[in-house]
């Protein structure tokens, strides 16, 4: 399975177009969007950001800067993975978007809700690929560039430790691009489209990935 993973777009639809143009010869099975399609939850921005991806099968979660209106667009387009799961081939995709209550943003949830929802979604599932906006807390992929603090989710980390999905894709911490291992799980912060970065993944017997830089 070949997957384009992108997120933290913040309304920059032109950068999404550039990324799609760079991979025009790739036979993609799926595009995953980790959230923050918009800068402040504007629906027009979300629609423009999604236009270049219309030729692909898409699954997406909102980010903390998105809004309930953005989630509604994802639901109407039948591409939302927020609080849901979907089977594609041998893989089960599960997702949860947004940030944490009390932090910056428009679309926020409690750590308790994140943990409860994800555990329910992943229970007894195999070959799970987890999509969240937030990275796991306390690792090298959740550090804020502005203040050097960890800005990830303790709930996401606990779920990864307990359920050990095959792969975890996240964003949020724009400049903490990279990969961490949590037990058998590979957790990847794919970086930000806003900063000119996305990821192309190949997932068969083993995981391979490469950066897309614009």
N, C-alpha and C. Protein backbone atom coordinates (compact mmCIF):
# COMPACT_ATOMS: atom_id res chain seq x y z
N UNK A 1 0.85 -1.19 0.00
CA UNK A 1 0.00 0.00 0.00
C UNK A 1 0.88 1.24 0.00
N UNK A 2 0.58 2.19 -0.89
CA UNK A 2 1.33 3.43 -0.99
C UNK A 2 0.46 4.58 -0.49
N UNK A 3 1.00 5.34 0.48
CA UNK A 3 0.22 6.36 1.18
C UNK A 3 0.95 7.70 1.15
N UNK A 4 0.21 8.76 0.81
CA UNK A 4 0.69 10.12 1.00
C UNK A 4 0.18 10.61 2.35
N UNK A 5 1.08 11.03 3.22
CA UNK A 5 0.70 11.55 4.54
C UNK A 5 1.08 13.02 4.61
N UNK A 6 0.10 13.85 4.95
CA UNK A 6 0.35 15.29 5.02
C UNK A 6 -0.56 15.93 6.05
N UNK A 7 -0.14 17.06 6.57
CA UNK A 7 -0.94 17.75 7.57
C UNK A 7 -0.33 19.07 7.97
N UNK A 8 -0.94 19.73 8.94
CA UNK A 8 -0.51 21.06 9.37
C UNK A 8 -0.33 21.96 8.15
N UNK A 9 -1.41 22.06 7.39
CA UNK A 9 -1.42 22.79 6.13
C UNK A 9 -1.70 24.27 6.37
N UNK A 10 -2.56 24.55 7.32
CA UNK A 10 -2.89 25.92 7.75
C UNK A 10 -3.33 26.80 6.58
N UNK A 11 -4.18 26.22 5.73
CA UNK A 11 -4.81 26.98 4.66
C UNK A 11 -3.98 27.15 3.40
N UNK A 12 -2.78 26.61 3.36
CA UNK A 12 -1.88 26.82 2.22
C UNK A 12 -2.14 25.77 1.13
N UNK A 13 -3.26 25.93 0.44
CA UNK A 13 -3.66 24.97 -0.60
C UNK A 13 -2.64 24.92 -1.74
N UNK A 14 -1.93 26.02 -1.98
CA UNK A 14 -0.92 26.04 -3.05
C UNK A 14 0.19 25.04 -2.78
N UNK A 15 0.54 24.85 -1.51
CA UNK A 15 1.58 23.88 -1.15
C UNK A 15 1.08 22.44 -1.33
N UNK A 16 -0.21 22.22 -1.07
CA UNK A 16 -0.78 20.90 -1.31
C UNK A 16 -0.72 20.59 -2.81
N UNK A 17 -1.05 21.57 -3.64
CA UNK A 17 -0.97 21.39 -5.09
C UNK A 17 0.45 21.04 -5.52
N UNK A 18 1.44 21.71 -4.96
CA UNK A 18 2.83 21.43 -5.28
C UNK A 18 3.21 19.99 -4.93
N UNK A 19 2.76 19.54 -3.77
CA UNK A 19 3.06 18.18 -3.34
C UNK A 19 2.43 17.17 -4.29
N UNK A 20 1.18 17.38 -4.64
CA UNK A 20 0.49 16.47 -5.56
C UNK A 20 1.19 16.46 -6.92
N UNK A 21 1.64 17.60 -7.39
CA UNK A 21 2.35 17.66 -8.66
C UNK A 21 3.67 16.88 -8.60
N UNK A 22 4.34 16.93 -7.46
CA UNK A 22 5.61 16.21 -7.31
C UNK A 22 5.43 14.69 -7.35
N UNK A 23 4.27 14.21 -6.94
CA UNK A 23 4.06 12.75 -6.90
C UNK A 23 3.07 12.30 -7.97
N UNK A 24 2.94 13.07 -9.04
CA UNK A 24 1.93 12.78 -10.06
C UNK A 24 2.11 11.40 -10.69
N UNK A 25 3.32 10.87 -10.67
CA UNK A 25 3.57 9.57 -11.27
C UNK A 25 3.51 8.42 -10.26
N UNK A 26 3.14 8.72 -9.04
CA UNK A 26 3.04 7.69 -8.01
C UNK A 26 1.62 7.12 -8.00
N UNK A 27 1.54 5.82 -7.91
CA UNK A 27 0.23 5.14 -7.90
C UNK A 27 -0.24 5.01 -6.46
N UNK A 28 -0.84 6.09 -5.95
CA UNK A 28 -1.23 6.13 -4.55
C UNK A 28 -2.49 5.32 -4.28
N UNK A 29 -2.50 4.66 -3.13
CA UNK A 29 -3.71 3.98 -2.66
C UNK A 29 -4.53 4.87 -1.74
N UNK A 30 -3.87 5.83 -1.09
CA UNK A 30 -4.54 6.58 -0.02
C UNK A 30 -3.76 7.85 0.32
N UNK A 31 -4.51 8.89 0.70
CA UNK A 31 -3.90 10.09 1.31
C UNK A 31 -4.44 10.23 2.72
N UNK A 32 -3.54 10.42 3.68
CA UNK A 32 -3.91 10.63 5.08
C UNK A 32 -3.60 12.06 5.47
N UNK A 33 -4.58 12.73 6.10
CA UNK A 33 -4.40 14.12 6.51
C UNK A 33 -4.50 14.19 8.03
N UNK A 34 -3.42 14.70 8.66
CA UNK A 34 -3.33 14.67 10.13
C UNK A 34 -3.93 15.89 10.82
N UNK A 35 -4.60 16.76 10.07
CA UNK A 35 -5.28 17.88 10.71
C UNK A 35 -4.63 19.23 10.50
N UNK A 36 -5.24 20.25 11.08
CA UNK A 36 -4.88 21.65 10.84
C UNK A 36 -4.89 21.95 9.34
N UNK A 37 -6.02 21.62 8.73
CA UNK A 37 -6.22 22.00 7.33
C UNK A 37 -6.28 23.51 7.22
N UNK A 38 -6.77 24.17 8.27
CA UNK A 38 -7.01 25.61 8.25
C UNK A 38 -6.15 26.33 9.29
N UNK A 39 -6.14 27.65 9.17
CA UNK A 39 -5.43 28.47 10.15
C UNK A 39 -6.30 28.75 11.37
N UNK A 40 -7.59 29.02 11.13
CA UNK A 40 -8.48 29.35 12.25
C UNK A 40 -9.86 28.73 12.09
N UNK A 41 -9.95 27.60 11.41
CA UNK A 41 -11.21 26.88 11.32
C UNK A 41 -12.14 27.35 10.22
N UNK A 42 -11.64 28.11 9.23
CA UNK A 42 -12.48 28.62 8.16
C UNK A 42 -12.81 27.52 7.15
N UNK A 43 -14.10 27.36 6.86
CA UNK A 43 -14.53 26.27 5.99
C UNK A 43 -14.04 26.42 4.57
N UNK A 44 -13.96 27.65 4.06
CA UNK A 44 -13.48 27.86 2.70
C UNK A 44 -12.04 27.40 2.54
N UNK A 45 -11.23 27.64 3.56
CA UNK A 45 -9.85 27.16 3.53
C UNK A 45 -9.80 25.65 3.45
N UNK A 46 -10.63 24.99 4.25
CA UNK A 46 -10.65 23.53 4.26
C UNK A 46 -11.02 22.98 2.89
N UNK A 47 -12.02 23.56 2.26
CA UNK A 47 -12.45 23.11 0.94
C UNK A 47 -11.35 23.27 -0.10
N UNK A 48 -10.65 24.41 -0.05
CA UNK A 48 -9.57 24.66 -1.01
C UNK A 48 -8.40 23.71 -0.79
N UNK A 49 -8.09 23.42 0.44
CA UNK A 49 -6.99 22.52 0.78
C UNK A 49 -7.28 21.10 0.27
N UNK A 50 -8.54 20.69 0.34
CA UNK A 50 -8.91 19.33 -0.06
C UNK A 50 -9.03 19.15 -1.57
N UNK A 51 -9.21 20.24 -2.32
CA UNK A 51 -9.41 20.14 -3.76
C UNK A 51 -8.30 19.38 -4.48
N UNK A 52 -7.01 19.67 -4.20
CA UNK A 52 -5.95 18.95 -4.91
C UNK A 52 -5.90 17.45 -4.61
N UNK A 53 -6.59 17.02 -3.56
CA UNK A 53 -6.57 15.61 -3.15
C UNK A 53 -7.78 14.83 -3.66
N UNK A 54 -8.62 15.49 -4.45
CA UNK A 54 -9.89 14.86 -4.86
C UNK A 54 -9.70 13.61 -5.71
N UNK A 55 -8.56 13.48 -6.37
CA UNK A 55 -8.33 12.30 -7.22
C UNK A 55 -7.96 11.07 -6.40
N UNK A 56 -7.71 11.25 -5.09
CA UNK A 56 -7.27 10.16 -4.24
C UNK A 56 -8.34 9.74 -3.24
N UNK A 57 -8.25 8.52 -2.75
CA UNK A 57 -8.98 8.10 -1.57
C UNK A 57 -8.34 8.83 -0.39
N UNK A 58 -9.15 9.51 0.43
CA UNK A 58 -8.64 10.33 1.52
C UNK A 58 -9.28 9.92 2.85
N UNK A 59 -8.47 9.89 3.90
CA UNK A 59 -8.96 9.80 5.28
C UNK A 59 -8.30 10.93 6.05
N UNK A 60 -9.09 11.65 6.86
CA UNK A 60 -8.57 12.84 7.52
C UNK A 60 -9.15 13.01 8.92
N UNK A 61 -8.36 13.66 9.76
CA UNK A 61 -8.84 14.10 11.08
C UNK A 61 -8.61 15.61 11.17
N UNK A 62 -9.41 16.31 11.96
CA UNK A 62 -9.18 17.74 12.17
C UNK A 62 -8.01 17.95 13.12
N UNK A 63 -7.46 19.16 13.07
CA UNK A 63 -6.43 19.54 14.03
C UNK A 63 -6.98 20.49 15.07
N UNK A 64 -6.15 20.89 16.00
CA UNK A 64 -6.61 21.79 17.05
C UNK A 64 -7.03 23.16 16.52
N UNK A 65 -6.47 23.59 15.40
CA UNK A 65 -6.82 24.89 14.84
C UNK A 65 -8.05 24.84 13.93
N UNK A 66 -8.53 23.65 13.64
CA UNK A 66 -9.75 23.50 12.84
C UNK A 66 -10.98 23.76 13.71
N UNK A 67 -12.14 23.43 13.21
CA UNK A 67 -13.38 23.74 13.92
C UNK A 67 -14.40 22.63 13.68
N UNK A 68 -15.51 22.71 14.39
CA UNK A 68 -16.60 21.76 14.15
C UNK A 68 -17.11 21.87 12.71
N UNK A 69 -17.07 23.08 12.15
CA UNK A 69 -17.49 23.26 10.75
C UNK A 69 -16.57 22.54 9.79
N UNK A 70 -15.27 22.52 10.11
CA UNK A 70 -14.31 21.77 9.28
C UNK A 70 -14.58 20.28 9.39
N UNK A 71 -14.84 19.80 10.61
CA UNK A 71 -15.19 18.39 10.79
C UNK A 71 -16.43 18.05 9.98
N UNK A 72 -17.41 18.95 9.95
CA UNK A 72 -18.64 18.71 9.19
C UNK A 72 -18.33 18.52 7.71
N UNK A 73 -17.39 19.31 7.18
CA UNK A 73 -16.99 19.16 5.78
C UNK A 73 -16.38 17.78 5.55
N UNK A 74 -15.51 17.36 6.45
CA UNK A 74 -14.90 16.04 6.34
C UNK A 74 -15.96 14.94 6.38
N UNK A 75 -16.95 15.13 7.25
CA UNK A 75 -18.04 14.15 7.36
C UNK A 75 -18.87 14.14 6.08
N UNK A 76 -19.19 15.31 5.54
CA UNK A 76 -20.00 15.39 4.33
C UNK A 76 -19.29 14.74 3.14
N UNK A 77 -17.98 14.87 3.10
CA UNK A 77 -17.19 14.28 2.02
C UNK A 77 -16.91 12.80 2.26
N UNK A 78 -17.34 12.31 3.43
CA UNK A 78 -17.16 10.91 3.82
C UNK A 78 -15.68 10.53 3.88
N UNK A 79 -14.87 11.47 4.39
CA UNK A 79 -13.44 11.20 4.53
C UNK A 79 -12.98 11.34 5.98
N UNK A 80 -13.89 11.61 6.91
CA UNK A 80 -13.50 11.80 8.30
C UNK A 80 -13.14 10.48 8.96
N UNK A 81 -12.01 10.48 9.68
CA UNK A 81 -11.62 9.33 10.49
C UNK A 81 -11.64 9.70 11.98
N UNK A 82 -12.20 10.86 12.30
CA UNK A 82 -12.23 11.31 13.68
C UNK A 82 -13.20 10.46 14.50
N UNK A 83 -12.66 9.72 15.46
CA UNK A 83 -13.48 8.84 16.29
C UNK A 83 -14.05 7.67 15.53
N UNK A 84 -13.38 7.29 14.44
CA UNK A 84 -13.89 6.22 13.57
C UNK A 84 -12.77 5.27 13.18
N UNK A 85 -13.16 4.18 12.52
CA UNK A 85 -12.19 3.27 11.92
C UNK A 85 -12.72 2.80 10.58
N UNK A 86 -11.80 2.44 9.71
CA UNK A 86 -12.18 1.97 8.38
C UNK A 86 -11.16 0.94 7.92
N UNK A 87 -11.66 -0.16 7.37
CA UNK A 87 -10.78 -1.21 6.88
C UNK A 87 -10.51 -1.00 5.39
N UNK A 88 -9.23 -1.06 5.03
CA UNK A 88 -8.82 -0.99 3.63
C UNK A 88 -7.82 -2.12 3.41
N UNK A 89 -8.22 -3.11 2.64
CA UNK A 89 -7.38 -4.28 2.48
C UNK A 89 -7.18 -4.98 3.80
N UNK A 90 -5.92 -5.27 4.13
CA UNK A 90 -5.63 -5.97 5.38
C UNK A 90 -5.42 -5.03 6.56
N UNK A 91 -5.52 -3.71 6.32
CA UNK A 91 -5.25 -2.73 7.35
C UNK A 91 -6.54 -2.12 7.91
N UNK A 92 -6.51 -1.81 9.21
CA UNK A 92 -7.59 -1.06 9.84
C UNK A 92 -7.05 0.32 10.22
N UNK A 93 -7.68 1.35 9.68
CA UNK A 93 -7.29 2.72 9.99
C UNK A 93 -8.22 3.26 11.07
N UNK A 94 -7.64 3.82 12.12
CA UNK A 94 -8.41 4.41 13.21
C UNK A 94 -7.86 5.81 13.47
N UNK A 95 -8.74 6.72 13.94
CA UNK A 95 -8.25 8.08 14.09
C UNK A 95 -8.95 8.90 15.15
N UNK A 96 -8.25 9.96 15.56
CA UNK A 96 -8.81 10.95 16.47
C UNK A 96 -8.06 12.25 16.25
N UNK A 97 -8.82 13.33 16.07
CA UNK A 97 -8.22 14.62 15.75
C UNK A 97 -8.28 15.62 16.88
N UNK A 98 -7.77 16.81 16.60
CA UNK A 98 -7.85 17.92 17.53
C UNK A 98 -6.75 17.94 18.57
N UNK A 99 -6.83 18.94 19.44
CA UNK A 99 -5.88 19.11 20.52
C UNK A 99 -6.48 18.78 21.87
N UNK A 100 -5.81 19.24 22.92
CA UNK A 100 -6.20 18.90 24.29
C UNK A 100 -6.87 20.10 24.96
N UNK A 101 -7.93 19.84 25.69
CA UNK A 101 -8.63 20.89 26.45
C UNK A 101 -7.66 21.77 27.21
N UNK A 102 -7.89 23.08 27.14
CA UNK A 102 -7.06 24.02 27.86
C UNK A 102 -5.89 24.55 27.06
N UNK A 103 -5.64 23.95 25.91
CA UNK A 103 -4.55 24.41 25.05
C UNK A 103 -5.09 25.27 23.92
N UNK A 104 -4.21 25.79 23.10
CA UNK A 104 -4.61 26.67 22.00
C UNK A 104 -5.43 25.91 20.96
N UNK A 105 -6.44 26.57 20.41
CA UNK A 105 -7.17 25.98 19.31
C UNK A 105 -8.67 26.05 19.44
N UNK A 106 -9.33 25.55 18.40
CA UNK A 106 -10.79 25.56 18.31
C UNK A 106 -11.41 24.19 18.50
N UNK A 107 -10.64 23.14 18.22
CA UNK A 107 -11.16 21.77 18.26
C UNK A 107 -10.35 20.99 19.29
N UNK A 108 -10.93 20.84 20.49
CA UNK A 108 -10.20 20.29 21.63
C UNK A 108 -11.01 19.21 22.34
N UNK A 109 -10.31 18.26 22.93
CA UNK A 109 -10.95 17.19 23.69
C UNK A 109 -10.13 16.89 24.94
N UNK A 110 -10.74 16.20 25.88
CA UNK A 110 -10.01 15.80 27.08
C UNK A 110 -9.11 14.60 26.77
N UNK A 111 -8.05 14.46 27.54
CA UNK A 111 -7.19 13.28 27.40
C UNK A 111 -8.00 12.00 27.65
N UNK A 112 -8.94 12.08 28.58
CA UNK A 112 -9.77 10.91 28.90
C UNK A 112 -10.60 10.47 27.70
N UNK A 113 -11.16 11.44 26.99
CA UNK A 113 -11.96 11.10 25.81
C UNK A 113 -11.10 10.52 24.69
N UNK A 114 -9.92 11.10 24.50
CA UNK A 114 -9.01 10.58 23.47
C UNK A 114 -8.68 9.12 23.76
N UNK A 115 -8.29 8.85 25.00
CA UNK A 115 -7.90 7.48 25.37
C UNK A 115 -9.05 6.50 25.25
N UNK A 116 -10.20 6.86 25.80
CA UNK A 116 -11.37 5.97 25.77
C UNK A 116 -11.79 5.65 24.34
N UNK A 117 -11.84 6.68 23.50
CA UNK A 117 -12.29 6.48 22.12
C UNK A 117 -11.32 5.59 21.35
N UNK A 118 -10.03 5.87 21.47
CA UNK A 118 -9.05 5.10 20.71
C UNK A 118 -8.99 3.64 21.18
N UNK A 119 -9.09 3.42 22.47
CA UNK A 119 -9.07 2.04 22.97
C UNK A 119 -10.27 1.26 22.45
N UNK A 120 -11.42 1.90 22.40
CA UNK A 120 -12.62 1.25 21.87
C UNK A 120 -12.47 0.95 20.38
N UNK A 121 -11.93 1.89 19.64
CA UNK A 121 -11.76 1.70 18.19
C UNK A 121 -10.80 0.57 17.87
N UNK A 122 -9.74 0.45 18.65
CA UNK A 122 -8.66 -0.48 18.32
C UNK A 122 -8.81 -1.85 18.95
N UNK A 123 -9.79 -2.00 19.81
CA UNK A 123 -9.97 -3.27 20.53
C UNK A 123 -10.18 -4.43 19.55
N UNK A 124 -9.35 -5.44 19.69
CA UNK A 124 -9.41 -6.68 18.89
C UNK A 124 -9.15 -6.47 17.40
N UNK A 125 -8.62 -5.32 17.01
CA UNK A 125 -8.28 -5.09 15.61
C UNK A 125 -6.82 -5.46 15.35
N UNK A 126 -6.55 -5.90 14.13
CA UNK A 126 -5.18 -6.25 13.74
C UNK A 126 -4.71 -5.33 12.62
N UNK A 127 -3.39 -5.23 12.47
CA UNK A 127 -2.80 -4.40 11.42
C UNK A 127 -3.37 -2.99 11.44
N UNK A 128 -3.34 -2.38 12.63
CA UNK A 128 -3.93 -1.05 12.81
C UNK A 128 -2.92 0.04 12.41
N UNK A 129 -3.41 1.00 11.65
CA UNK A 129 -2.68 2.23 11.38
C UNK A 129 -3.46 3.35 12.05
N UNK A 130 -2.84 3.99 13.02
CA UNK A 130 -3.50 5.02 13.82
C UNK A 130 -3.13 6.40 13.30
N UNK A 131 -4.15 7.23 13.11
CA UNK A 131 -3.97 8.60 12.63
C UNK A 131 -4.47 9.56 13.70
N UNK A 132 -3.57 10.38 14.24
CA UNK A 132 -3.98 11.40 15.20
C UNK A 132 -3.31 12.72 14.82
N UNK A 133 -3.91 13.82 15.29
CA UNK A 133 -3.23 15.10 15.11
C UNK A 133 -2.07 15.21 16.10
N UNK A 134 -2.31 14.78 17.32
CA UNK A 134 -1.32 14.92 18.38
C UNK A 134 -0.30 13.79 18.37
N UNK A 135 0.98 14.13 18.59
CA UNK A 135 2.00 13.10 18.78
C UNK A 135 1.96 12.58 20.21
N UNK A 136 2.63 11.46 20.48
CA UNK A 136 2.73 10.96 21.85
C UNK A 136 3.59 11.89 22.70
N UNK A 137 3.20 12.05 23.95
CA UNK A 137 3.87 13.00 24.85
C UNK A 137 5.25 12.49 25.28
N UNK A 138 6.18 13.44 25.38
CA UNK A 138 7.44 13.17 26.07
C UNK A 138 8.54 12.57 25.22
N UNK A 139 8.36 12.54 23.91
CA UNK A 139 9.38 11.98 23.02
C UNK A 139 9.95 13.09 22.14
N UNK A 140 10.85 12.71 21.26
CA UNK A 140 11.49 13.70 20.42
C UNK A 140 10.62 14.25 19.32
N UNK A 141 9.43 13.69 19.14
CA UNK A 141 8.56 14.13 18.04
C UNK A 141 7.40 15.00 18.51
N UNK A 142 7.49 15.50 19.73
CA UNK A 142 6.39 16.37 20.21
C UNK A 142 6.92 17.66 20.84
N UNK A 143 8.08 18.10 20.42
CA UNK A 143 8.70 19.28 21.03
C UNK A 143 8.33 20.55 20.26
N UNK A 144 7.84 21.53 20.97
CA UNK A 144 7.49 22.81 20.38
C UNK A 144 8.75 23.62 20.08
N UNK A 145 8.83 24.14 18.86
CA UNK A 145 9.98 24.97 18.49
C UNK A 145 9.99 26.28 19.27
N UNK A 146 8.80 26.79 19.59
CA UNK A 146 8.72 28.11 20.22
C UNK A 146 9.21 28.13 21.66
N UNK A 147 8.95 27.04 22.41
CA UNK A 147 9.35 27.07 23.82
C UNK A 147 10.11 25.82 24.28
N UNK A 148 10.32 24.87 23.39
CA UNK A 148 11.09 23.68 23.73
C UNK A 148 10.36 22.68 24.61
N UNK A 149 9.06 22.91 24.83
CA UNK A 149 8.29 22.02 25.69
C UNK A 149 7.64 20.88 24.90
N UNK A 150 7.32 19.80 25.59
CA UNK A 150 6.59 18.69 24.99
C UNK A 150 5.11 19.07 24.89
N UNK A 151 4.54 18.94 23.69
CA UNK A 151 3.16 19.37 23.46
C UNK A 151 2.27 18.23 22.96
N UNK A 152 2.72 17.01 23.18
CA UNK A 152 1.94 15.85 22.74
C UNK A 152 0.89 15.42 23.75
N UNK A 153 0.34 14.24 23.49
CA UNK A 153 -0.76 13.71 24.29
C UNK A 153 -0.31 12.49 25.09
N UNK A 154 -0.54 12.55 26.40
CA UNK A 154 -0.25 11.38 27.24
C UNK A 154 -1.19 10.23 26.90
N UNK A 155 -2.42 10.57 26.54
CA UNK A 155 -3.39 9.53 26.17
C UNK A 155 -2.94 8.77 24.93
N UNK A 156 -2.47 9.50 23.92
CA UNK A 156 -1.98 8.86 22.70
C UNK A 156 -0.81 7.93 23.03
N UNK A 157 0.09 8.39 23.86
CA UNK A 157 1.23 7.55 24.23
C UNK A 157 0.77 6.29 24.95
N UNK A 158 -0.16 6.42 25.88
CA UNK A 158 -0.67 5.27 26.63
C UNK A 158 -1.34 4.26 25.70
N UNK A 159 -2.11 4.77 24.73
CA UNK A 159 -2.78 3.89 23.78
C UNK A 159 -1.76 3.14 22.92
N UNK A 160 -0.73 3.85 22.47
CA UNK A 160 0.31 3.19 21.66
C UNK A 160 1.01 2.11 22.47
N UNK A 161 1.30 2.40 23.74
CA UNK A 161 1.97 1.42 24.59
C UNK A 161 1.10 0.19 24.81
N UNK A 162 -0.20 0.41 24.99
CA UNK A 162 -1.11 -0.70 25.29
C UNK A 162 -1.49 -1.52 24.05
N UNK A 163 -1.86 -0.84 22.97
CA UNK A 163 -2.42 -1.53 21.82
C UNK A 163 -1.39 -1.90 20.75
N UNK A 164 -0.26 -1.24 20.74
CA UNK A 164 0.83 -1.55 19.80
C UNK A 164 0.36 -1.66 18.35
N UNK A 165 -0.21 -0.58 17.81
CA UNK A 165 -0.59 -0.62 16.40
C UNK A 165 0.64 -0.77 15.51
N UNK A 166 0.39 -1.16 14.29
CA UNK A 166 1.47 -1.35 13.33
C UNK A 166 2.21 -0.04 13.07
N UNK A 167 1.43 1.04 12.94
CA UNK A 167 1.99 2.33 12.56
C UNK A 167 1.14 3.45 13.15
N UNK A 168 1.80 4.53 13.54
CA UNK A 168 1.10 5.73 14.04
C UNK A 168 1.61 6.94 13.26
N UNK A 169 0.67 7.70 12.70
CA UNK A 169 0.98 8.90 11.93
C UNK A 169 0.40 10.11 12.66
N UNK A 170 1.21 11.16 12.86
CA UNK A 170 0.76 12.33 13.59
C UNK A 170 1.44 13.59 13.06
N UNK A 171 1.13 14.73 13.69
CA UNK A 171 1.71 16.01 13.29
C UNK A 171 1.79 16.94 14.48
N UNK A 172 1.21 18.14 14.33
CA UNK A 172 1.03 19.13 15.40
C UNK A 172 2.32 19.89 15.74
N UNK A 173 3.38 19.17 16.11
CA UNK A 173 4.66 19.81 16.42
C UNK A 173 5.43 19.96 15.10
N UNK A 174 5.28 21.11 14.48
CA UNK A 174 5.73 21.31 13.10
C UNK A 174 7.18 20.94 12.85
N UNK A 175 8.04 21.28 13.77
CA UNK A 175 9.47 21.11 13.52
C UNK A 175 10.08 19.89 14.21
N UNK A 176 9.21 19.00 14.68
CA UNK A 176 9.69 17.77 15.32
C UNK A 176 9.48 16.56 14.42
N UNK A 177 9.71 16.79 13.13
CA UNK A 177 9.64 15.70 12.16
C UNK A 177 10.57 14.56 12.58
N UNK A 178 10.07 13.33 12.47
CA UNK A 178 10.93 12.19 12.77
C UNK A 178 10.14 10.97 13.20
N UNK A 179 10.87 9.96 13.59
CA UNK A 179 10.30 8.65 13.92
C UNK A 179 10.76 8.22 15.31
N UNK A 180 9.82 7.62 16.05
CA UNK A 180 10.14 7.03 17.35
C UNK A 180 9.54 5.62 17.39
N UNK A 181 10.18 4.75 18.16
CA UNK A 181 9.63 3.41 18.39
C UNK A 181 9.04 3.36 19.79
N UNK A 182 7.79 2.90 19.86
CA UNK A 182 7.13 2.67 21.15
C UNK A 182 6.77 1.19 21.18
N UNK A 183 7.62 0.39 21.78
CA UNK A 183 7.47 -1.04 21.67
C UNK A 183 7.65 -1.46 20.22
N UNK A 184 6.66 -2.14 19.68
CA UNK A 184 6.71 -2.57 18.28
C UNK A 184 6.15 -1.53 17.32
N UNK A 185 5.60 -0.46 17.88
CA UNK A 185 4.94 0.56 17.05
C UNK A 185 5.93 1.60 16.55
N UNK A 186 5.84 1.90 15.26
CA UNK A 186 6.57 3.02 14.68
C UNK A 186 5.65 4.23 14.69
N UNK A 187 6.07 5.29 15.37
CA UNK A 187 5.30 6.54 15.43
C UNK A 187 6.06 7.60 14.67
N UNK A 188 5.40 8.21 13.68
CA UNK A 188 6.06 9.19 12.82
C UNK A 188 5.32 10.52 12.87
N UNK A 189 6.05 11.57 13.24
CA UNK A 189 5.56 12.93 13.05
C UNK A 189 5.97 13.34 11.65
N UNK A 190 4.99 13.55 10.78
CA UNK A 190 5.28 13.72 9.36
C UNK A 190 5.73 15.14 9.00
N UNK A 191 5.76 16.03 10.00
CA UNK A 191 6.12 17.41 9.69
C UNK A 191 4.94 18.18 9.13
N UNK A 192 5.19 19.40 8.71
CA UNK A 192 4.10 20.30 8.32
C UNK A 192 4.19 20.71 6.86
N UNK A 193 3.07 20.63 6.17
CA UNK A 193 2.98 21.18 4.83
C UNK A 193 3.34 22.67 4.85
N UNK A 194 2.92 23.35 5.92
CA UNK A 194 3.23 24.77 6.07
C UNK A 194 4.72 25.03 5.98
N UNK A 195 5.52 24.06 6.44
CA UNK A 195 6.97 24.19 6.39
C UNK A 195 7.56 23.51 5.16
N UNK A 196 6.69 23.07 4.23
CA UNK A 196 7.16 22.48 2.98
C UNK A 196 7.49 21.01 3.05
N UNK A 197 6.80 20.26 3.93
CA UNK A 197 7.15 18.85 4.12
C UNK A 197 5.91 17.96 4.15
N UNK A 198 6.04 16.80 3.52
CA UNK A 198 5.04 15.74 3.61
C UNK A 198 5.79 14.41 3.52
N UNK A 199 5.05 13.31 3.49
CA UNK A 199 5.70 11.99 3.54
C UNK A 199 5.02 11.04 2.57
N UNK A 200 5.83 10.20 1.94
CA UNK A 200 5.32 9.13 1.08
C UNK A 200 5.71 7.81 1.72
N UNK A 201 4.70 6.99 2.03
CA UNK A 201 4.91 5.73 2.74
C UNK A 201 4.59 4.54 1.84
N UNK A 202 5.38 3.50 1.98
CA UNK A 202 5.05 2.21 1.36
C UNK A 202 4.97 1.19 2.46
N UNK A 203 3.84 0.51 2.53
CA UNK A 203 3.59 -0.41 3.63
C UNK A 203 3.15 -1.76 3.06
N UNK A 204 4.08 -2.70 3.05
CA UNK A 204 3.76 -4.06 2.64
C UNK A 204 4.30 -4.99 3.72
N UNK A 205 5.33 -5.77 3.42
CA UNK A 205 5.92 -6.63 4.44
C UNK A 205 6.74 -5.82 5.43
N UNK A 206 7.23 -4.66 4.98
CA UNK A 206 7.96 -3.76 5.85
C UNK A 206 7.61 -2.32 5.51
N UNK A 207 7.89 -1.42 6.43
CA UNK A 207 7.58 -0.02 6.25
C UNK A 207 8.75 0.71 5.62
N UNK A 208 8.47 1.44 4.55
CA UNK A 208 9.46 2.33 3.95
C UNK A 208 8.83 3.70 3.81
N UNK A 209 9.61 4.75 4.04
CA UNK A 209 9.08 6.08 3.83
C UNK A 209 10.16 7.03 3.37
N UNK A 210 9.72 8.06 2.66
CA UNK A 210 10.65 9.10 2.22
C UNK A 210 9.96 10.46 2.31
N UNK A 211 10.78 11.47 2.54
CA UNK A 211 10.27 12.83 2.64
C UNK A 211 9.90 13.39 1.26
N UNK A 212 8.89 14.23 1.27
CA UNK A 212 8.59 15.08 0.13
C UNK A 212 8.85 16.51 0.57
N UNK A 213 9.80 17.16 -0.06
CA UNK A 213 10.17 18.53 0.32
C UNK A 213 9.88 19.48 -0.82
N UNK A 214 9.22 20.60 -0.51
CA UNK A 214 8.92 21.58 -1.54
C UNK A 214 9.48 22.94 -1.13
